[in-house]
Amino acid sequence: MQRLIEQPAGEGDVLEAGTPLGRVHYHLSVYRHFSDLEGEPVPPAIDVEGKIAPRGQVDLTALHERQADLTLRLADGRLLDFSIVDAAGVIRSTGRGFFRE
Protein backbone atom coordinates (compact mmCIF):
# COMPACT_ATOMS: atom_id res chain seq x y z
CA MET A 1 0.00 0.00 0.00
CA GLN A 2 1.16 3.54 -0.55
CA ARG A 3 0.09 6.87 0.89
CA LEU A 4 0.45 10.39 -0.37
CA ILE A 5 2.76 12.15 2.10
CA GLU A 6 3.67 15.42 0.37
CA GLN A 7 2.84 17.59 -2.65
CA PRO A 8 5.69 20.03 -3.27
CA ALA A 9 5.19 22.68 -5.95
CA GLY A 10 7.28 25.60 -7.13
CA GLU A 11 10.01 26.57 -9.56
CA GLY A 12 13.23 24.64 -9.90
CA ASP A 13 16.07 23.79 -12.25
CA VAL A 14 16.41 20.78 -14.54
CA LEU A 15 19.93 19.36 -14.72
CA GLU A 16 21.49 16.78 -17.00
CA ALA A 17 24.76 15.30 -15.74
CA GLY A 18 25.08 18.33 -13.44
CA THR A 19 24.61 20.86 -16.26
CA PRO A 20 21.62 23.21 -15.90
CA LEU A 21 19.17 22.98 -18.82
CA GLY A 22 16.66 25.56 -17.61
CA ARG A 23 13.90 26.49 -15.19
CA VAL A 24 10.61 24.66 -14.81
CA HIS A 25 7.50 24.88 -12.71
CA TYR A 26 6.86 21.58 -10.93
CA HIS A 27 4.00 19.98 -9.06
CA LEU A 28 4.88 16.64 -7.48
CA SER A 29 3.10 13.92 -5.53
CA VAL A 30 5.27 11.96 -3.09
CA TYR A 31 4.12 8.49 -2.05
CA ARG A 32 5.53 6.31 0.72
CA HIS A 33 5.06 2.57 0.72
CA PHE A 34 3.56 0.85 3.76
CA SER A 35 2.80 -2.78 4.50
CA ASP A 36 -0.79 -3.98 4.27
CA LEU A 37 -0.13 -6.21 7.28
CA GLU A 38 0.32 -4.58 10.67
CA GLY A 39 3.79 -5.10 12.09
CA GLU A 40 5.26 -6.35 8.82
CA PRO A 41 8.45 -4.44 8.07
CA VAL A 42 8.66 -2.67 4.73
CA PRO A 43 11.92 -1.17 3.50
CA PRO A 44 11.61 2.60 3.22
CA ALA A 45 10.56 3.40 -0.32
CA ILE A 46 9.33 6.62 -1.83
CA ASP A 47 7.90 7.13 -5.30
CA VAL A 48 7.57 10.59 -6.78
CA GLU A 49 5.49 11.51 -9.79
CA GLY A 50 4.22 14.77 -11.13
CA LYS A 51 4.44 17.28 -13.90
CA ILE A 52 6.89 19.94 -15.01
CA ALA A 53 6.29 22.92 -17.31
CA PRO A 54 9.15 24.86 -18.93
CA ARG A 55 9.83 28.43 -17.87
CA GLY A 56 12.21 29.04 -20.75
CA GLN A 57 14.19 27.01 -23.26
CA VAL A 58 13.73 23.49 -21.84
CA ASP A 59 12.59 21.20 -24.69
CA LEU A 60 10.58 18.48 -22.95
CA THR A 61 9.80 16.68 -26.22
CA ALA A 62 13.49 16.29 -27.11
CA LEU A 63 14.39 15.17 -23.58
CA HIS A 64 11.56 12.63 -23.62
CA GLU A 65 12.52 11.30 -27.06
CA ARG A 66 16.12 10.64 -26.04
CA GLN A 67 15.10 9.24 -22.64
CA ALA A 68 17.48 11.58 -20.83
CA ASP A 69 18.51 10.92 -17.22
CA LEU A 70 17.65 14.18 -15.46
CA THR A 71 17.70 15.78 -12.03
CA LEU A 72 15.27 18.35 -10.67
CA ARG A 73 16.57 20.84 -8.09
CA LEU A 74 13.56 21.89 -6.04
CA ALA A 75 13.15 25.36 -4.54
CA ASP A 76 13.99 23.96 -1.07
CA GLY A 77 17.34 22.59 -2.28
CA ARG A 78 16.39 18.92 -2.51
CA LEU A 79 17.26 17.01 -5.66
CA LEU A 80 15.27 14.34 -7.48
CA ASP A 81 16.50 12.06 -10.27
CA PHE A 82 13.69 11.55 -12.76
CA SER A 83 12.67 10.62 -16.26
CA ILE A 84 10.10 12.26 -18.49
CA VAL A 85 7.17 9.91 -19.12
CA ASP A 86 5.67 11.92 -21.99
CA ALA A 87 6.19 15.08 -24.00
CA ALA A 88 3.52 16.87 -21.93
CA GLY A 89 5.93 16.95 -18.97
CA VAL A 90 4.72 14.06 -16.81
CA ILE A 91 7.67 12.82 -14.75
CA ARG A 92 8.49 9.89 -12.49
CA SER A 93 11.36 9.40 -10.04
CA THR A 94 14.00 6.91 -11.09
CA GLY A 95 14.95 5.40 -7.78
CA ARG A 96 16.31 6.87 -4.63
CA GLY A 97 13.78 9.61 -3.96
CA PHE A 98 14.93 13.01 -2.73
CA PHE A 99 18.56 13.69 -1.83
CA ARG A 100 20.90 16.59 -1.20
CA GLU A 101 24.25 17.47 -2.77
PDB file of N, CA and C in Angstrom:
ATOM      1  N   MET A   1       0.852  -1.167   0.000  1.00  0.00           N
ATOM      2  CA  MET A   1       0.000   0.000   0.000  1.00  0.00           C
ATOM      3  C   MET A   1       0.902   1.235   0.000  1.00  0.00           C
ATOM      4  N   GLN A   2       0.416   2.282  -0.572  1.00  0.00           N
ATOM      5  CA  GLN A   2       1.158   3.542  -0.549  1.00  0.00           C
ATOM      6  C   GLN A   2       0.237   4.678  -0.156  1.00  0.00           C
ATOM      7  N   ARG A   3       0.845   5.689   0.465  1.00  0.00           N
ATOM      8  CA  ARG A   3       0.089   6.872   0.889  1.00  0.00           C
ATOM      9  C   ARG A   3       0.780   8.122   0.377  1.00  0.00           C
ATOM     10  N   LEU A   4      -0.056   9.085   0.016  1.00  0.00           N
ATOM     11  CA  LEU A   4       0.446  10.394  -0.369  1.00  0.00           C
ATOM     12  C   LEU A   4       0.934  11.094   0.888  1.00  0.00           C
ATOM     13  N   ILE A   5       2.212  11.509   0.907  1.00  0.00           N
ATOM     14  CA  ILE A   5       2.757  12.148   2.102  1.00  0.00           C
ATOM     15  C   ILE A   5       3.149  13.605   1.889  1.00  0.00           C
ATOM     16  N   GLU A   6       3.220  14.041   0.632  1.00  0.00           N
ATOM     17  CA  GLU A   6       3.673  15.418   0.375  1.00  0.00           C
ATOM     18  C   GLU A   6       3.330  15.786  -1.065  1.00  0.00           C
ATOM     19  N   GLN A   7       3.077  17.085  -1.305  1.00  0.00           N
ATOM     20  CA  GLN A   7       2.845  17.587  -2.654  1.00  0.00           C
ATOM     21  C   GLN A   7       3.607  18.893  -2.871  1.00  0.00           C
ATOM     22  N   PRO A   8       4.930  18.803  -3.034  1.00  0.00           N
ATOM     23  CA  PRO A   8       5.694  20.027  -3.268  1.00  0.00           C
ATOM     24  C   PRO A   8       5.404  20.624  -4.641  1.00  0.00           C
ATOM     25  N   ALA A   9       5.391  21.953  -4.701  1.00  0.00           N
ATOM     26  CA  ALA A   9       5.193  22.678  -5.953  1.00  0.00           C
ATOM     27  C   ALA A   9       6.038  23.938  -5.904  1.00  0.00           C
ATOM     28  N   GLY A  10       6.476  24.385  -7.062  1.00  0.00           N
ATOM     29  CA  GLY A  10       7.276  25.604  -7.127  1.00  0.00           C
ATOM     30  C   GLY A  10       8.069  25.654  -8.413  1.00  0.00           C
ATOM     31  N   GLU A  11       9.120  26.472  -8.404  1.00  0.00           N
ATOM     32  CA  GLU A  11      10.009  26.570  -9.558  1.00  0.00           C
ATOM     33  C   GLU A  11      11.362  26.005  -9.190  1.00  0.00           C
ATOM     34  N   GLY A  12      11.935  25.261 -10.130  1.00  0.00           N
ATOM     35  CA  GLY A  12      13.233  24.642  -9.904  1.00  0.00           C
ATOM     36  C   GLY A  12      14.018  24.566 -11.197  1.00  0.00           C
ATOM     37  N   ASP A  13      15.168  23.916 -11.108  1.00  0.00           N
ATOM     38  CA  ASP A  13      16.069  23.787 -12.249  1.00  0.00           C
ATOM     39  C   ASP A  13      16.168  22.332 -12.677  1.00  0.00           C
ATOM     40  N   VAL A  14      16.172  22.103 -13.993  1.00  0.00           N
ATOM     41  CA  VAL A  14      16.407  20.784 -14.540  1.00  0.00           C
ATOM     42  C   VAL A  14      17.882  20.695 -14.904  1.00  0.00           C
ATOM     43  N   LEU A  15      18.515  19.594 -14.468  1.00  0.00           N
ATOM     44  CA  LEU A  15      19.930  19.365 -14.715  1.00  0.00           C
ATOM     45  C   LEU A  15      20.102  18.056 -15.482  1.00  0.00           C
ATOM     46  N   GLU A  16      21.096  18.034 -16.355  1.00  0.00           N
ATOM     47  CA  GLU A  16      21.490  16.782 -16.999  1.00  0.00           C
ATOM     48  C   GLU A  16      22.979  16.619 -16.782  1.00  0.00           C
ATOM     49  N   ALA A  17      23.355  15.558 -16.082  1.00  0.00           N
ATOM     50  CA  ALA A  17      24.758  15.303 -15.737  1.00  0.00           C
ATOM     51  C   ALA A  17      25.376  16.525 -15.045  1.00  0.00           C
ATOM     52  N   GLY A  18      24.597  17.191 -14.196  1.00  0.00           N
ATOM     53  CA  GLY A  18      25.080  18.335 -13.440  1.00  0.00           C
ATOM     54  C   GLY A  18      25.022  19.664 -14.173  1.00  0.00           C
ATOM     55  N   THR A  19      24.681  19.642 -15.454  1.00  0.00           N
ATOM     56  CA  THR A  19      24.613  20.858 -16.259  1.00  0.00           C
ATOM     57  C   THR A  19      23.180  21.385 -16.275  1.00  0.00           C
ATOM     58  N   PRO A  20      22.976  22.642 -15.877  1.00  0.00           N
ATOM     59  CA  PRO A  20      21.620  23.207 -15.902  1.00  0.00           C
ATOM     60  C   PRO A  20      21.079  23.322 -17.323  1.00  0.00           C
ATOM     61  N   LEU A  21      19.839  22.869 -17.511  1.00  0.00           N
ATOM     62  CA  LEU A  21      19.173  22.983 -18.818  1.00  0.00           C
ATOM     63  C   LEU A  21      18.150  24.105 -18.840  1.00  0.00           C
ATOM     64  N   GLY A  22      17.638  24.486 -17.673  1.00  0.00           N
ATOM     65  CA  GLY A  22      16.661  25.561 -17.615  1.00  0.00           C
ATOM     66  C   GLY A  22      15.727  25.423 -16.434  1.00  0.00           C
ATOM     67  N   ARG A  23      14.859  26.425 -16.294  1.00  0.00           N
ATOM     68  CA  ARG A  23      13.900  26.486 -15.191  1.00  0.00           C
ATOM     69  C   ARG A  23      12.585  25.843 -15.595  1.00  0.00           C
ATOM     70  N   VAL A  24      11.931  25.252 -14.604  1.00  0.00           N
ATOM     71  CA  VAL A  24      10.612  24.659 -14.806  1.00  0.00           C
ATOM     72  C   VAL A  24       9.745  24.948 -13.592  1.00  0.00           C
ATOM     73  N   HIS A  25       8.444  24.908 -13.815  1.00  0.00           N
ATOM     74  CA  HIS A  25       7.497  24.883 -12.706  1.00  0.00           C
ATOM     75  C   HIS A  25       7.184  23.411 -12.483  1.00  0.00           C
ATOM     76  N   TYR A  26       7.147  22.984 -11.224  1.00  0.00           N
ATOM     77  CA  TYR A  26       6.864  21.578 -10.932  1.00  0.00           C
ATOM     78  C   TYR A  26       5.721  21.468  -9.931  1.00  0.00           C
ATOM     79  N   HIS A  27       5.003  20.383 -10.050  1.00  0.00           N
ATOM     80  CA  HIS A  27       4.003  19.983  -9.063  1.00  0.00           C
ATOM     81  C   HIS A  27       4.158  18.478  -8.913  1.00  0.00           C
ATOM     82  N   LEU A  28       4.547  18.040  -7.723  1.00  0.00           N
ATOM     83  CA  LEU A  28       4.877  16.643  -7.480  1.00  0.00           C
ATOM     84  C   LEU A  28       3.943  16.018  -6.456  1.00  0.00           C
ATOM     85  N   SER A  29       3.802  14.719  -6.537  1.00  0.00           N
ATOM     86  CA  SER A  29       3.104  13.924  -5.526  1.00  0.00           C
ATOM     87  C   SER A  29       4.100  12.887  -5.024  1.00  0.00           C
ATOM     88  N   VAL A  30       4.295  12.856  -3.706  1.00  0.00           N
ATOM     89  CA  VAL A  30       5.268  11.964  -3.087  1.00  0.00           C
ATOM     90  C   VAL A  30       4.510  10.880  -2.331  1.00  0.00           C
ATOM     91  N   TYR A  31       4.794   9.627  -2.665  1.00  0.00           N
ATOM     92  CA  TYR A  31       4.116   8.488  -2.052  1.00  0.00           C
ATOM     93  C   TYR A  31       5.120   7.645  -1.268  1.00  0.00           C
ATOM     94  N   ARG A  32       4.712   7.216  -0.092  1.00  0.00           N
ATOM     95  CA  ARG A  32       5.531   6.315   0.720  1.00  0.00           C
ATOM     96  C   ARG A  32       4.824   4.977   0.787  1.00  0.00           C
ATOM     97  N   HIS A  33       5.607   3.919   0.674  1.00  0.00           N
ATOM     98  CA  HIS A  33       5.060   2.566   0.725  1.00  0.00           C
ATOM     99  C   HIS A  33       4.934   2.093   2.164  1.00  0.00           C
ATOM    100  N   PHE A  34       3.832   1.441   2.463  1.00  0.00           N
ATOM    101  CA  PHE A  34       3.564   0.853   3.765  1.00  0.00           C
ATOM    102  C   PHE A  34       3.100  -0.582   3.554  1.00  0.00           C
ATOM    103  N   SER A  35       3.283  -1.399   4.562  1.00  0.00           N
ATOM    104  CA  SER A  35       2.803  -2.779   4.501  1.00  0.00           C
ATOM    105  C   SER A  35       1.300  -2.822   4.718  1.00  0.00           C
ATOM    106  N   ASP A  36       0.643  -3.756   4.045  1.00  0.00           N
ATOM    107  CA  ASP A  36      -0.786  -3.982   4.265  1.00  0.00           C
ATOM    108  C   ASP A  36      -1.032  -4.738   5.568  1.00  0.00           C
ATOM    109  N   LEU A  37      -0.006  -5.421   6.058  1.00  0.00           N
ATOM    110  CA  LEU A  37      -0.128  -6.206   7.284  1.00  0.00           C
ATOM    111  C   LEU A  37       0.520  -5.468   8.437  1.00  0.00           C
ATOM    112  N   GLU A  38      -0.202  -5.297   9.516  1.00  0.00           N
ATOM    113  CA  GLU A  38       0.320  -4.584  10.669  1.00  0.00           C
ATOM    114  C   GLU A  38       1.536  -5.305  11.237  1.00  0.00           C
ATOM    115  N   GLY A  39       2.567  -4.550  11.507  1.00  0.00           N
ATOM    116  CA  GLY A  39       3.786  -5.102  12.089  1.00  0.00           C
ATOM    117  C   GLY A  39       4.757  -5.691  11.090  1.00  0.00           C
ATOM    118  N   GLU A  40       4.356  -5.813   9.838  1.00  0.00           N
ATOM    119  CA  GLU A  40       5.258  -6.354   8.816  1.00  0.00           C
ATOM    120  C   GLU A  40       6.210  -5.255   8.364  1.00  0.00           C
ATOM    121  N   PRO A  41       7.517  -5.490   8.473  1.00  0.00           N
ATOM    122  CA  PRO A  41       8.454  -4.440   8.065  1.00  0.00           C
ATOM    123  C   PRO A  41       8.473  -4.261   6.549  1.00  0.00           C
ATOM    124  N   VAL A  42       8.555  -3.020   6.143  1.00  0.00           N
ATOM    125  CA  VAL A  42       8.661  -2.671   4.728  1.00  0.00           C
ATOM    126  C   VAL A  42       9.861  -1.751   4.589  1.00  0.00           C
ATOM    127  N   PRO A  43      10.780  -2.081   3.686  1.00  0.00           N
ATOM    128  CA  PRO A  43      11.917  -1.171   3.497  1.00  0.00           C
ATOM    129  C   PRO A  43      11.420   0.206   3.080  1.00  0.00           C
ATOM    130  N   PRO A  44      12.066   1.267   3.587  1.00  0.00           N
ATOM    131  CA  PRO A  44      11.608   2.605   3.218  1.00  0.00           C
ATOM    132  C   PRO A  44      11.695   2.803   1.703  1.00  0.00           C
ATOM    133  N   ALA A  45      10.604   3.168   1.117  1.00  0.00           N
ATOM    134  CA  ALA A  45      10.564   3.404  -0.324  1.00  0.00           C
ATOM    135  C   ALA A  45       9.631   4.569  -0.597  1.00  0.00           C
ATOM    136  N   ILE A  46      10.111   5.450  -1.448  1.00  0.00           N
ATOM    137  CA  ILE A  46       9.332   6.625  -1.825  1.00  0.00           C
ATOM    138  C   ILE A  46       9.278   6.680  -3.348  1.00  0.00           C
ATOM    139  N   ASP A  47       8.089   6.889  -3.875  1.00  0.00           N
ATOM    140  CA  ASP A  47       7.900   7.135  -5.302  1.00  0.00           C
ATOM    141  C   ASP A  47       7.431   8.567  -5.476  1.00  0.00           C
ATOM    142  N   VAL A  48       7.958   9.219  -6.498  1.00  0.00           N
ATOM    143  CA  VAL A  48       7.573  10.593  -6.784  1.00  0.00           C
ATOM    144  C   VAL A  48       7.124  10.656  -8.240  1.00  0.00           C
ATOM    145  N   GLU A  49       5.970  11.265  -8.442  1.00  0.00           N
ATOM    146  CA  GLU A  49       5.489  11.510  -9.793  1.00  0.00           C
ATOM    147  C   GLU A  49       4.924  12.914  -9.837  1.00  0.00           C
ATOM    148  N   GLY A  50       4.762  13.419 -11.021  1.00  0.00           N
ATOM    149  CA  GLY A  50       4.221  14.770 -11.128  1.00  0.00           C
ATOM    150  C   GLY A  50       4.329  15.297 -12.533  1.00  0.00           C
ATOM    151  N   LYS A  51       4.396  16.618 -12.612  1.00  0.00           N
ATOM    152  CA  LYS A  51       4.438  17.281 -13.903  1.00  0.00           C
ATOM    153  C   LYS A  51       5.348  18.497 -13.816  1.00  0.00           C
ATOM    154  N   ILE A  52       6.076  18.737 -14.899  1.00  0.00           N
ATOM    155  CA  ILE A  52       6.893  19.942 -15.010  1.00  0.00           C
ATOM    156  C   ILE A  52       6.455  20.718 -16.247  1.00  0.00           C
ATOM    157  N   ALA A  53       6.601  22.033 -16.181  1.00  0.00           N
ATOM    158  CA  ALA A  53       6.291  22.916 -17.310  1.00  0.00           C
ATOM    159  C   ALA A  53       7.459  23.878 -17.485  1.00  0.00           C
ATOM    160  N   PRO A  54       8.000  23.989 -18.690  1.00  0.00           N
ATOM    161  CA  PRO A  54       9.152  24.857 -18.930  1.00  0.00           C
ATOM    162  C   PRO A  54       8.871  26.313 -18.617  1.00  0.00           C
ATOM    163  N   ARG A  55       9.869  26.988 -18.100  1.00  0.00           N
ATOM    164  CA  ARG A  55       9.833  28.434 -17.868  1.00  0.00           C
ATOM    165  C   ARG A  55      10.901  29.114 -18.724  1.00  0.00           C
ATOM    166  N   GLY A  56      11.182  28.506 -19.866  1.00  0.00           N
ATOM    167  CA  GLY A  56      12.212  29.041 -20.753  1.00  0.00           C
ATOM    168  C   GLY A  56      12.486  28.062 -21.876  1.00  0.00           C
ATOM    169  N   GLN A  57      13.746  27.763 -22.092  1.00  0.00           N
ATOM    170  CA  GLN A  57      14.193  27.011 -23.261  1.00  0.00           C
ATOM    171  C   GLN A  57      14.237  25.493 -23.087  1.00  0.00           C
ATOM    172  N   VAL A  58      13.687  24.930 -22.039  1.00  0.00           N
ATOM    173  CA  VAL A  58      13.729  23.488 -21.835  1.00  0.00           C
ATOM    174  C   VAL A  58      12.807  22.810 -22.845  1.00  0.00           C
ATOM    175  N   ASP A  59      13.364  21.909 -23.660  1.00  0.00           N
ATOM    176  CA  ASP A  59      12.595  21.200 -24.685  1.00  0.00           C
ATOM    177  C   ASP A  59      12.209  19.822 -24.153  1.00  0.00           C
ATOM    178  N   LEU A  60      11.023  19.724 -23.560  1.00  0.00           N
ATOM    179  CA  LEU A  60      10.576  18.475 -22.952  1.00  0.00           C
ATOM    180  C   LEU A  60      10.428  17.360 -23.984  1.00  0.00           C
ATOM    181  N   THR A  61       9.978  17.698 -25.180  1.00  0.00           N
ATOM    182  CA  THR A  61       9.804  16.682 -26.215  1.00  0.00           C
ATOM    183  C   THR A  61      11.134  16.029 -26.555  1.00  0.00           C
ATOM    184  N   ALA A  62      12.166  16.829 -26.770  1.00  0.00           N
ATOM    185  CA  ALA A  62      13.490  16.289 -27.114  1.00  0.00           C
ATOM    186  C   ALA A  62      14.054  15.452 -25.963  1.00  0.00           C
ATOM    187  N   LEU A  63      13.890  15.928 -24.735  1.00  0.00           N
ATOM    188  CA  LEU A  63      14.387  15.171 -23.580  1.00  0.00           C
ATOM    189  C   LEU A  63      13.647  13.842 -23.439  1.00  0.00           C
ATOM    190  N   HIS A  64      12.345  13.859 -23.675  1.00  0.00           N
ATOM    191  CA  HIS A  64      11.557  12.627 -23.615  1.00  0.00           C
ATOM    192  C   HIS A  64      11.991  11.656 -24.716  1.00  0.00           C
ATOM    193  N   GLU A  65      12.163  12.151 -25.923  1.00  0.00           N
ATOM    194  CA  GLU A  65      12.520  11.297 -27.060  1.00  0.00           C
ATOM    195  C   GLU A  65      13.863  10.601 -26.857  1.00  0.00           C
ATOM    196  N   ARG A  66      14.816  11.278 -26.247  1.00  0.00           N
ATOM    197  CA  ARG A  66      16.124  10.638 -26.045  1.00  0.00           C
ATOM    198  C   ARG A  66      16.259   9.976 -24.685  1.00  0.00           C
ATOM    199  N   GLN A  67      15.160   9.922 -23.932  1.00  0.00           N
ATOM    200  CA  GLN A  67      15.105   9.238 -22.636  1.00  0.00           C
ATOM    201  C   GLN A  67      16.253   9.690 -21.723  1.00  0.00           C
ATOM    202  N   ALA A  68      16.398  10.993 -21.606  1.00  0.00           N
ATOM    203  CA  ALA A  68      17.485  11.580 -20.830  1.00  0.00           C
ATOM    204  C   ALA A  68      17.337  11.287 -19.338  1.00  0.00           C
ATOM    205  N   ASP A  69      18.473  11.036 -18.674  1.00  0.00           N
ATOM    206  CA  ASP A  69      18.510  10.917 -17.217  1.00  0.00           C
ATOM    207  C   ASP A  69      18.680  12.323 -16.660  1.00  0.00           C
ATOM    208  N   LEU A  70      17.687  12.786 -15.899  1.00  0.00           N
ATOM    209  CA  LEU A  70      17.647  14.175 -15.463  1.00  0.00           C
ATOM    210  C   LEU A  70      17.553  14.275 -13.952  1.00  0.00           C
ATOM    211  N   THR A  71      17.838  15.474 -13.445  1.00  0.00           N
ATOM    212  CA  THR A  71      17.704  15.782 -12.027  1.00  0.00           C
ATOM    213  C   THR A  71      16.937  17.091 -11.911  1.00  0.00           C
ATOM    214  N   LEU A  72      16.012  17.137 -10.968  1.00  0.00           N
ATOM    215  CA  LEU A  72      15.272  18.354 -10.667  1.00  0.00           C
ATOM    216  C   LEU A  72      15.780  18.894  -9.338  1.00  0.00           C
ATOM    217  N   ARG A  73      16.204  20.167  -9.337  1.00  0.00           N
ATOM    218  CA  ARG A  73      16.565  20.845  -8.088  1.00  0.00           C
ATOM    219  C   ARG A  73      15.352  21.650  -7.658  1.00  0.00           C
ATOM    220  N   LEU A  74      14.749  21.227  -6.549  1.00  0.00           N
ATOM    221  CA  LEU A  74      13.558  21.893  -6.039  1.00  0.00           C
ATOM    222  C   LEU A  74      13.928  23.216  -5.376  1.00  0.00           C
ATOM    223  N   ALA A  75      12.940  24.058  -5.165  1.00  0.00           N
ATOM    224  CA  ALA A  75      13.155  25.365  -4.544  1.00  0.00           C
ATOM    225  C   ALA A  75      13.741  25.247  -3.143  1.00  0.00           C
ATOM    226  N   ASP A  76      13.465  24.133  -2.431  1.00  0.00           N
ATOM    227  CA  ASP A  76      13.986  23.964  -1.071  1.00  0.00           C
ATOM    228  C   ASP A  76      15.379  23.333  -1.036  1.00  0.00           C
ATOM    229  N   GLY A  77      15.983  23.105  -2.220  1.00  0.00           N
ATOM    230  CA  GLY A  77      17.343  22.585  -2.284  1.00  0.00           C
ATOM    231  C   GLY A  77      17.441  21.078  -2.469  1.00  0.00           C
ATOM    232  N   ARG A  78      16.333  20.361  -2.285  1.00  0.00           N
ATOM    233  CA  ARG A  78      16.386  18.917  -2.507  1.00  0.00           C
ATOM    234  C   ARG A  78      16.538  18.632  -3.997  1.00  0.00           C
ATOM    235  N   LEU A  79      17.073  17.458  -4.287  1.00  0.00           N
ATOM    236  CA  LEU A  79      17.262  17.009  -5.660  1.00  0.00           C
ATOM    237  C   LEU A  79      16.468  15.733  -5.882  1.00  0.00           C
ATOM    238  N   LEU A  80      16.035  15.526  -7.119  1.00  0.00           N
ATOM    239  CA  LEU A  80      15.273  14.335  -7.476  1.00  0.00           C
ATOM    240  C   LEU A  80      15.709  13.883  -8.863  1.00  0.00           C
ATOM    241  N   ASP A  81      16.212  12.635  -8.959  1.00  0.00           N
ATOM    242  CA  ASP A  81      16.502  12.055 -10.268  1.00  0.00           C
ATOM    243  C   ASP A  81      15.184  11.584 -10.861  1.00  0.00           C
ATOM    244  N   PHE A  82      14.975  11.887 -12.146  1.00  0.00           N
ATOM    245  CA  PHE A  82      13.693  11.554 -12.758  1.00  0.00           C
ATOM    246  C   PHE A  82      13.842  11.306 -14.249  1.00  0.00           C
ATOM    247  N   SER A  83      12.784  10.748 -14.812  1.00  0.00           N
ATOM    248  CA  SER A  83      12.673  10.617 -16.260  1.00  0.00           C
ATOM    249  C   SER A  83      11.358  11.250 -16.687  1.00  0.00           C
ATOM    250  N   ILE A  84      11.314  11.658 -17.939  1.00  0.00           N
ATOM    251  CA  ILE A  84      10.103  12.261 -18.490  1.00  0.00           C
ATOM    252  C   ILE A  84       9.281  11.149 -19.133  1.00  0.00           C
ATOM    253  N   VAL A  85       8.056  10.989 -18.666  1.00  0.00           N
ATOM    254  CA  VAL A  85       7.174   9.913 -19.124  1.00  0.00           C
ATOM    255  C   VAL A  85       6.560  10.237 -20.480  1.00  0.00           C
ATOM    256  N   ASP A  86       6.240  11.515 -20.698  1.00  0.00           N
ATOM    257  CA  ASP A  86       5.668  11.917 -21.986  1.00  0.00           C
ATOM    258  C   ASP A  86       6.046  13.358 -22.304  1.00  0.00           C
ATOM    259  N   ALA A  87       5.802  13.741 -23.538  1.00  0.00           N
ATOM    260  CA  ALA A  87       6.190  15.077 -24.002  1.00  0.00           C
ATOM    261  C   ALA A  87       5.410  16.198 -23.337  1.00  0.00           C
ATOM    262  N   ALA A  88       4.314  15.862 -22.640  1.00  0.00           N
ATOM    263  CA  ALA A  88       3.519  16.869 -21.932  1.00  0.00           C
ATOM    264  C   ALA A  88       4.152  17.259 -20.597  1.00  0.00           C
ATOM    265  N   GLY A  89       5.226  16.572 -20.193  1.00  0.00           N
ATOM    266  CA  GLY A  89       5.928  16.945 -18.969  1.00  0.00           C
ATOM    267  C   GLY A  89       5.617  16.092 -17.757  1.00  0.00           C
ATOM    268  N   VAL A  90       4.944  14.969 -17.938  1.00  0.00           N
ATOM    269  CA  VAL A  90       4.720  14.057 -16.814  1.00  0.00           C
ATOM    270  C   VAL A  90       6.054  13.396 -16.475  1.00  0.00           C
ATOM    271  N   ILE A  91       6.392  13.377 -15.180  1.00  0.00           N
ATOM    272  CA  ILE A  91       7.673  12.817 -14.751  1.00  0.00           C
ATOM    273  C   ILE A  91       7.459  11.744 -13.685  1.00  0.00           C
ATOM    274  N   ARG A  92       8.503  10.920 -13.516  1.00  0.00           N
ATOM    275  CA  ARG A  92       8.492   9.886 -12.488  1.00  0.00           C
ATOM    276  C   ARG A  92       9.917   9.731 -11.961  1.00  0.00           C
ATOM    277  N   SER A  93      10.034   9.589 -10.644  1.00  0.00           N
ATOM    278  CA  SER A  93      11.361   9.404 -10.044  1.00  0.00           C
ATOM    279  C   SER A  93      11.981   8.106 -10.541  1.00  0.00           C
ATOM    280  N   THR A  94      13.299   8.077 -10.556  1.00  0.00           N
ATOM    281  CA  THR A  94      13.999   6.913 -11.089  1.00  0.00           C
ATOM    282  C   THR A  94      14.697   6.101 -10.005  1.00  0.00           C
ATOM    283  N   GLY A  95      14.326   6.281  -8.753  1.00  0.00           N
ATOM    284  CA  GLY A  95      14.950   5.401  -7.784  1.00  0.00           C
ATOM    285  C   GLY A  95      14.998   5.882  -6.371  1.00  0.00           C
ATOM    286  N   ARG A  96      16.004   6.630  -6.033  1.00  0.00           N
ATOM    287  CA  ARG A  96      16.309   6.872  -4.632  1.00  0.00           C
ATOM    288  C   ARG A  96      15.488   7.934  -3.929  1.00  0.00           C
ATOM    289  N   GLY A  97      14.550   8.559  -4.602  1.00  0.00           N
ATOM    290  CA  GLY A  97      13.776   9.615  -3.965  1.00  0.00           C
ATOM    291  C   GLY A  97      14.581  10.897  -3.867  1.00  0.00           C
ATOM    292  N   PHE A  98      14.243  11.720  -2.905  1.00  0.00           N
ATOM    293  CA  PHE A  98      14.933  13.010  -2.731  1.00  0.00           C
ATOM    294  C   PHE A  98      16.305  12.806  -2.090  1.00  0.00           C
ATOM    295  N   PHE A  99      17.236  13.689  -2.444  1.00  0.00           N
ATOM    296  CA  PHE A  99      18.559  13.685  -1.828  1.00  0.00           C
ATOM    297  C   PHE A  99      19.108  15.101  -1.866  1.00  0.00           C
ATOM    298  N   ARG A 100      20.224  15.286  -1.209  1.00  0.00           N
ATOM    299  CA  ARG A 100      20.905  16.591  -1.197  1.00  0.00           C
ATOM    300  C   ARG A 100      22.319  16.423  -1.712  1.00  0.00           C
ATOM    301  N   GLU A 101      22.873  17.511  -2.243  1.00  0.00           N
ATOM    302  CA  GLU A 101      24.254  17.468  -2.767  1.00  0.00           C
ATOM    303  C   GLU A 101      25.235  17.278  -1.645  1.00  0.00           C
TER     304      GLU A 101
END
